[in-house]
Amino acid sequence: MQYIQYIGNSQVEVRERPIPQPGPGEALVQIALSAICGSEMHTLEKGIDNTTFNAHNIGHEMVGIVADVNDGCRIAQGQRVGVNIMQGCGSCIYCLTGDPVHCSKLKYSFDAHSDYIVVPEATLIPLPDDVDWNTAVLMCGDTLGTPYHALKRLGGVNASQRATVFGFGPIGIGSLVWLKYFGLYTIVSEVSPYRRELASRLGADLVIDPTRENVVERVRAETGGGAEVCLDCAGIPQTLSDALDAARIYGRVAFVGEKSTATIRPSDQFIRKELSIVGAWYFTAAEFYEQVEFYRRGLSVEGMITHRYKLEEAPEAYRKFKAGETGKVVFYHEGVI
């Protein structure tokens, strides 16, 4: 079977190894689609230590077909599934309330960019027949799942509000799609020309190039004092600060995905404005099915996936993604999809 190996300096190689075998409580999944996530970029730059990560790549957005299971599994061979990559202990307060993401004994399933992967059977999400592969990989991954969770954490949104999305990588793309589905006037701030054009195609009401104008001043001018909802989806200190500054009094801000460092001015940026601020890291399996209901009521994923590659084309896929010349990128496996 083929798999992608991170080798450092943002380079990858496509290699061969035997198909892994599932142990007790595990399932072998033949991958149909896996998707590149922006959170891979740091590890891609460094390369990966297989002994530390127990993985060759940290691909973590995947859908496929159950190829092999052990006796007693609840999932049948041949079932279409998504994978929730986070497995908890099953007995702590978070696991028992359906939130294994915050389990203190959390384990991850990486190596999505492979022909096959062995994962805990408990992490499999059966896919409804009316959800196609493209939609499933977006909902089972960070692109739609995590911003949906962020909007729930904010207490929901409505069409009377204005929103600003800072950063238009995959998480920003998903954020815009949700915000437009719920009817909000939405502004996008993005440095990449390709992604700014994509934001316009996907329905952004205003797209700002923050390298050419002051994004905070423009947002305040366009919204009469600031946006009711701001989502920082870029993961860099400047956009986090801009999201706080662009929010209006009593506004709400979500920091979506990973943020390693930032410098903020608490009094000026949120205490005196009395902002509500949440973090959103991942989503739950139950929220996948909530997304499915919105899909059945008209949520469209058309145009979110802009580039499709075979595994052997991985070097070009990562080059274009890192350069900001793509929307969502997926690897597809012929004969499965």
Protein backbone atom coordinates (compact mmCIF):
# COMPACT_ATOMS: atom_id res chain seq x y z
CA MET A 1 0.00 0.00 0.00
CA GLN A 2 1.04 3.61 -0.55
CA TYR A 3 1.38 6.25 2.15
CA ILE A 4 2.76 9.78 2.46
CA GLN A 5 5.89 10.30 4.55
CA TYR A 6 6.81 13.76 5.88
CA ILE A 7 10.59 14.10 5.44
CA GLY A 8 11.12 17.69 6.62
CA ASN A 9 11.58 21.08 4.98
CA SER A 10 7.93 20.89 3.85
CA GLN A 11 8.74 17.95 1.62
CA VAL A 12 6.97 14.60 1.34
CA GLU A 13 7.68 11.25 -0.26
CA VAL A 14 5.21 8.58 -1.34
CA ARG A 15 6.36 5.20 -0.05
CA GLU A 16 5.18 1.60 0.11
CA ARG A 17 4.58 -0.66 3.11
CA PRO A 18 2.42 -3.70 3.92
CA ILE A 19 -1.26 -3.24 4.66
CA PRO A 20 -1.63 -3.08 8.48
CA GLN A 21 -3.81 -5.59 10.29
CA PRO A 22 -6.46 -4.65 12.87
CA GLY A 23 -6.19 -5.94 16.40
CA PRO A 24 -8.94 -6.42 18.97
CA GLY A 25 -11.34 -3.48 19.00
CA GLU A 26 -9.87 -2.09 15.78
CA ALA A 27 -10.96 -1.82 12.15
CA LEU A 28 -9.04 -1.59 8.90
CA VAL A 29 -10.37 1.26 6.74
CA GLN A 30 -9.64 1.56 3.03
CA ILE A 31 -9.40 5.30 2.44
CA ALA A 32 -11.63 6.87 -0.19
CA LEU A 33 -10.76 10.51 0.47
CA SER A 34 -8.39 12.24 2.85
CA ALA A 35 -8.01 16.02 3.11
CA ILE A 36 -5.10 18.31 3.88
CA CYS A 37 -5.55 20.48 6.98
CA GLY A 38 -3.63 23.66 7.69
CA SER A 39 -2.59 22.25 11.06
CA GLU A 40 -0.33 19.81 9.20
CA MET A 41 1.98 22.58 8.01
CA HIS A 42 4.14 22.89 11.16
CA THR A 43 4.84 19.16 11.32
CA LEU A 44 5.31 19.09 7.57
CA GLU A 45 8.07 21.67 7.92
CA LYS A 46 9.87 19.74 10.67
CA GLY A 47 9.31 16.25 9.31
CA ILE A 48 7.90 13.50 11.46
CA ASP A 49 9.45 11.10 13.94
CA ASN A 50 7.56 7.86 13.41
CA THR A 51 8.44 6.57 16.87
CA THR A 52 7.06 9.66 18.60
CA PHE A 53 3.87 10.11 16.57
CA ASN A 54 3.40 6.44 15.62
CA ALA A 55 2.51 7.83 12.21
CA HIS A 56 4.11 8.77 8.90
CA ASN A 57 1.94 11.86 8.39
CA ILE A 58 -0.55 13.67 10.58
CA GLY A 59 -3.36 13.56 8.06
CA HIS A 60 -6.52 13.37 10.16
CA GLU A 61 -9.49 14.05 7.89
CA MET A 62 -10.67 10.87 6.19
CA VAL A 63 -13.57 8.79 4.95
CA GLY A 64 -13.51 5.29 3.54
CA ILE A 65 -14.83 1.74 3.58
CA VAL A 66 -14.38 -0.79 6.37
CA ALA A 67 -12.13 -3.44 4.84
CA ASP A 68 -11.63 -5.73 7.84
CA VAL A 69 -12.90 -6.00 11.41
CA ASN A 70 -12.49 -8.40 14.30
CA ASP A 71 -15.32 -10.46 15.76
CA GLY A 72 -17.72 -8.48 17.93
CA CYS A 73 -17.37 -5.16 16.13
CA ARG A 74 -20.53 -3.10 15.69
CA ILE A 75 -19.45 -1.95 12.21
CA ALA A 76 -19.79 -4.38 9.32
CA GLN A 77 -17.23 -4.97 6.62
CA GLY A 78 -18.10 -2.86 3.57
CA GLN A 79 -19.68 -0.03 5.62
CA ARG A 80 -18.95 3.52 4.47
CA VAL A 81 -17.47 5.42 7.41
CA GLY A 82 -15.85 8.59 8.57
CA VAL A 83 -13.25 8.63 11.33
CA ASN A 84 -13.36 10.81 14.42
CA ILE A 85 -9.64 10.85 15.05
CA MET A 86 -9.87 11.43 18.81
CA GLN A 87 -10.40 8.46 21.14
CA GLY A 88 -10.96 8.95 24.84
CA CYS A 89 -10.81 6.50 27.72
CA GLY A 90 -14.56 5.88 27.61
CA SER A 91 -15.13 6.28 31.35
CA CYS A 92 -14.30 9.89 32.37
CA ILE A 93 -16.93 12.63 32.66
CA TYR A 94 -16.10 14.00 29.21
CA CYS A 95 -16.29 10.65 27.45
CA LEU A 96 -19.51 9.71 29.23
CA THR A 97 -21.14 12.95 28.07
CA GLY A 98 -20.14 12.40 24.45
CA ASP A 99 -17.10 14.70 24.47
CA PRO A 100 -13.98 12.51 24.25
CA VAL A 101 -12.07 15.47 22.75
CA HIS A 102 -11.33 16.68 26.28
CA CYS A 103 -10.40 13.33 27.81
CA SER A 104 -7.11 13.52 29.72
CA LYS A 105 -6.09 10.17 28.18
CA LEU A 106 -6.84 11.28 24.63
CA LYS A 107 -5.31 9.32 21.75
CA TYR A 108 -5.20 10.29 18.07
CA SER A 109 -5.52 8.42 14.78
CA PHE A 110 -3.13 9.94 12.25
CA ASP A 111 -1.84 8.64 8.87
CA ALA A 112 -4.99 9.51 6.92
CA HIS A 113 -2.91 10.07 3.79
CA SER A 114 -2.53 6.36 3.12
CA ASP A 115 -4.33 3.64 1.17
CA TYR A 116 -5.36 1.92 4.41
CA ILE A 117 -5.41 2.82 8.08
CA VAL A 118 -6.15 0.92 11.28
CA VAL A 119 -8.28 2.87 13.76
CA PRO A 120 -10.20 2.08 16.95
CA GLU A 121 -13.58 0.70 15.94
CA ALA A 122 -15.26 3.04 18.44
CA THR A 123 -14.12 6.09 16.45
CA LEU A 124 -15.93 5.10 13.25
CA ILE A 125 -18.87 7.23 12.12
CA PRO A 126 -21.28 5.35 9.81
CA LEU A 127 -22.08 7.53 6.81
CA PRO A 128 -25.71 7.93 5.72
CA ASP A 129 -26.40 6.78 2.17
CA ASP A 130 -27.48 10.26 1.07
CA VAL A 131 -24.17 11.88 2.07
CA ASP A 132 -21.61 11.68 -0.74
CA TRP A 133 -17.89 11.25 -0.21
CA ASN A 134 -17.01 14.93 -0.77
CA THR A 135 -19.58 16.16 1.73
CA ALA A 136 -18.62 13.48 4.23
CA VAL A 137 -14.90 14.31 4.28
CA LEU A 138 -15.70 17.99 4.87
CA MET A 139 -18.12 17.23 7.71
CA CYS A 140 -15.95 14.53 9.30
CA GLY A 141 -12.98 16.88 9.29
CA ASP A 142 -12.05 20.31 10.53
CA THR A 143 -13.32 22.22 7.49
CA LEU A 144 -17.02 22.11 8.38
CA GLY A 145 -17.03 20.26 11.70
CA THR A 146 -14.84 22.62 13.71
CA PRO A 147 -16.41 25.95 12.63
CA TYR A 148 -19.85 24.43 13.17
CA HIS A 149 -18.76 23.58 16.72
CA ALA A 150 -17.42 27.14 17.10
CA LEU A 151 -20.76 28.68 16.12
CA LYS A 152 -22.53 26.44 18.62
CA ARG A 153 -20.06 27.51 21.31
CA LEU A 154 -20.90 31.14 20.49
CA GLY A 155 -24.55 30.39 21.19
CA GLY A 156 -25.65 30.38 17.57
CA VAL A 157 -25.93 33.13 14.97
CA ASN A 158 -28.75 34.71 12.99
CA ALA A 159 -29.29 36.67 9.79
CA SER A 160 -29.55 40.05 11.56
CA GLN A 161 -25.86 39.91 12.43
CA ARG A 162 -22.62 40.77 10.58
CA ALA A 163 -19.59 38.49 10.75
CA THR A 164 -15.92 38.71 9.86
CA VAL A 165 -13.70 35.72 9.06
CA PHE A 166 -9.95 36.27 9.50
CA GLY A 167 -7.99 33.84 7.34
CA PHE A 168 -9.42 31.84 4.46
CA GLY A 169 -7.68 28.51 4.65
CA PRO A 170 -9.86 25.40 5.08
CA ILE A 171 -11.30 26.49 8.45
CA GLY A 172 -12.09 29.94 7.09
CA ILE A 173 -13.77 28.36 4.06
CA GLY A 174 -15.98 26.25 6.30
CA SER A 175 -16.75 29.26 8.50
CA LEU A 176 -17.94 31.30 5.51
CA VAL A 177 -20.12 28.46 4.23
CA TRP A 178 -21.85 28.14 7.61
CA LEU A 179 -22.26 31.88 8.10
CA LYS A 180 -23.81 32.34 4.65
CA TYR A 181 -26.08 29.32 5.21
CA PHE A 182 -27.38 31.01 8.36
CA GLY A 183 -27.87 34.26 6.44
CA LEU A 184 -25.19 36.56 7.89
CA TYR A 185 -23.56 39.42 6.02
CA THR A 186 -19.98 38.14 6.03
CA ILE A 187 -16.61 39.84 5.49
CA VAL A 188 -13.45 37.84 4.77
CA SER A 189 -9.89 39.04 5.38
CA GLU A 190 -7.22 37.04 3.53
CA VAL A 191 -3.72 37.70 2.18
CA SER A 192 -3.76 35.11 -0.66
CA PRO A 193 -5.13 36.43 -3.98
CA TYR A 194 -6.35 32.96 -4.91
CA ARG A 195 -8.23 32.54 -1.66
CA ARG A 196 -9.70 36.05 -1.81
CA GLU A 197 -11.17 35.21 -5.20
CA LEU A 198 -12.44 31.90 -3.81
CA ALA A 199 -14.12 33.76 -0.93
CA SER A 200 -15.99 35.91 -3.42
CA ARG A 201 -17.10 32.84 -5.37
CA LEU A 202 -18.37 31.20 -2.19
CA GLY A 203 -20.53 34.15 -1.29
CA ALA A 204 -18.51 36.58 0.86
CA ASP A 205 -20.18 39.99 0.87
CA LEU A 206 -16.87 41.83 1.19
CA VAL A 207 -13.31 40.55 0.79
CA ILE A 208 -10.39 42.52 2.23
CA ASP A 209 -6.68 42.30 1.48
CA PRO A 210 -5.07 43.08 4.87
CA THR A 211 -1.72 43.82 3.20
CA ARG A 212 -3.26 46.79 1.37
CA GLU A 213 -5.64 48.32 3.92
CA ASN A 214 -6.34 48.39 7.63
CA VAL A 215 -8.75 45.49 8.05
CA VAL A 216 -10.05 46.59 11.48
CA GLU A 217 -10.87 50.10 10.29
CA ARG A 218 -12.59 48.73 7.17
CA VAL A 219 -14.69 46.27 9.17
CA ARG A 220 -15.73 48.97 11.62
CA ALA A 221 -16.66 51.29 8.76
CA GLU A 222 -18.67 48.64 6.93
CA THR A 223 -20.55 47.46 10.02
CA GLY A 224 -21.13 50.74 11.85
CA GLY A 225 -18.76 50.09 14.72
CA GLY A 226 -17.70 46.47 14.48
CA ALA A 227 -18.98 43.01 13.62
CA GLU A 228 -21.28 41.12 15.97
CA VAL A 229 -19.36 37.89 15.24
CA CYS A 230 -15.65 37.48 14.50
CA LEU A 231 -13.90 34.18 13.78
CA ASP A 232 -10.11 33.97 13.79
CA CYS A 233 -9.25 31.06 11.51
CA ALA A 234 -5.64 31.88 10.64
CA GLY A 235 -3.72 30.85 13.73
CA ILE A 236 -1.29 33.78 13.75
CA PRO A 237 -1.00 36.51 16.40
CA GLN A 238 -2.06 39.38 14.12
CA THR A 239 -5.39 37.88 13.08
CA LEU A 240 -6.27 36.96 16.65
CA SER A 241 -5.69 40.55 17.70
CA ASP A 242 -7.58 41.88 14.68
CA ALA A 243 -10.58 39.70 15.50
CA LEU A 244 -10.76 41.21 18.99
CA ASP A 245 -10.36 44.75 17.67
CA ALA A 246 -12.94 44.31 14.90
CA ALA A 247 -15.69 43.00 17.21
CA ARG A 248 -18.28 45.55 18.30
CA ILE A 249 -19.37 46.18 21.91
CA TYR A 250 -21.03 43.02 23.28
CA GLY A 251 -19.70 41.16 20.24
CA ARG A 252 -18.65 37.52 20.17
CA VAL A 253 -15.29 36.13 19.04
CA ALA A 254 -14.23 32.56 18.34
CA PHE A 255 -10.65 31.39 18.06
CA VAL A 256 -11.01 28.38 15.76
CA GLY A 257 -8.29 25.75 15.50
CA GLU A 258 -4.76 25.89 16.85
CA LYS A 259 -3.20 29.17 18.09
CA SER A 260 0.32 28.81 19.50
CA THR A 261 1.05 32.35 20.74
CA ALA A 262 -0.49 35.82 20.78
CA THR A 263 -0.19 39.13 22.59
CA ILE A 264 -3.43 40.80 23.59
CA ARG A 265 -4.53 43.91 25.48
CA PRO A 266 -7.34 42.55 27.66
CA SER A 267 -8.83 45.82 28.88
CA ASP A 268 -8.89 47.57 25.50
CA GLN A 269 -9.67 44.55 23.36
CA PHE A 270 -12.38 42.73 25.26
CA ILE A 271 -12.97 43.65 28.91
CA ARG A 272 -14.27 47.17 28.26
CA LYS A 273 -16.20 46.00 25.20
CA GLU A 274 -17.61 43.10 27.25
CA LEU A 275 -16.97 40.58 24.51
CA SER A 276 -17.87 36.91 24.74
CA ILE A 277 -14.92 34.79 23.63
CA VAL A 278 -14.75 31.05 22.97
CA GLY A 279 -12.22 28.57 21.73
CA ALA A 280 -13.09 25.77 19.31
CA TRP A 281 -10.64 22.92 18.79
CA TYR A 282 -12.57 20.05 17.21
CA PHE A 283 -16.11 18.67 17.11
CA THR A 284 -18.01 15.65 18.39
CA ALA A 285 -19.37 12.66 16.49
CA ALA A 286 -22.90 13.76 17.39
CA GLU A 287 -22.26 17.09 15.67
CA PHE A 288 -21.53 15.23 12.45
CA TYR A 289 -25.15 14.10 12.34
CA GLU A 290 -26.35 17.61 13.17
CA GLN A 291 -24.43 18.81 10.11
CA VAL A 292 -26.08 16.09 8.04
CA GLU A 293 -29.49 17.51 8.95
CA PHE A 294 -28.44 20.95 7.71
CA TYR A 295 -27.11 19.34 4.52
CA ARG A 296 -30.51 17.74 3.97
CA ARG A 297 -32.08 21.19 4.40
CA GLY A 298 -29.95 22.86 1.78
CA LEU A 299 -26.39 23.37 3.06
CA SER A 300 -24.19 23.33 -0.05
CA VAL A 301 -20.52 22.30 -0.12
CA GLU A 302 -20.16 23.11 -3.81
CA GLY A 303 -16.84 24.79 -4.59
CA MET A 304 -15.13 24.14 -1.25
CA ILE A 305 -12.87 21.40 -2.66
CA THR A 306 -10.77 23.05 -5.35
CA HIS A 307 -8.00 20.50 -5.93
CA ARG A 308 -7.98 16.70 -6.09
CA TYR A 309 -4.82 14.59 -6.27
CA LYS A 310 -3.72 10.97 -6.17
CA LEU A 311 -1.30 10.10 -3.37
CA GLU A 312 1.61 9.97 -5.82
CA GLU A 313 0.95 13.64 -6.60
CA ALA A 314 1.40 14.63 -2.95
CA PRO A 315 4.51 16.84 -3.42
CA GLU A 316 2.59 19.12 -5.79
CA ALA A 317 -0.50 19.08 -3.57
CA TYR A 318 1.43 20.28 -0.51
CA ARG A 319 3.38 22.85 -2.51
CA LYS A 320 0.22 24.51 -3.80
CA PHE A 321 -1.58 24.29 -0.47
CA LYS A 322 1.27 25.89 1.46
CA ALA A 323 1.53 28.66 -1.16
CA GLY A 324 -2.11 29.58 -0.60
CA GLU A 325 -3.05 28.58 -4.15
CA THR A 326 -5.88 26.20 -3.20
CA GLY A 327 -9.08 25.92 -1.28
CA LYS A 328 -9.66 22.51 0.26
CA VAL A 329 -7.35 19.81 -1.10
CA VAL A 330 -8.19 16.11 -1.08
CA PHE A 331 -6.37 12.92 -2.01
CA TYR A 332 -8.62 10.43 -3.78
CA HIS A 333 -8.16 6.70 -4.26
CA GLU A 334 -9.22 5.21 -7.57
CA GLY A 335 -11.25 2.06 -7.26
CA VAL A 336 -12.70 3.20 -3.95
CA ILE A 337 -14.38 6.44 -4.92
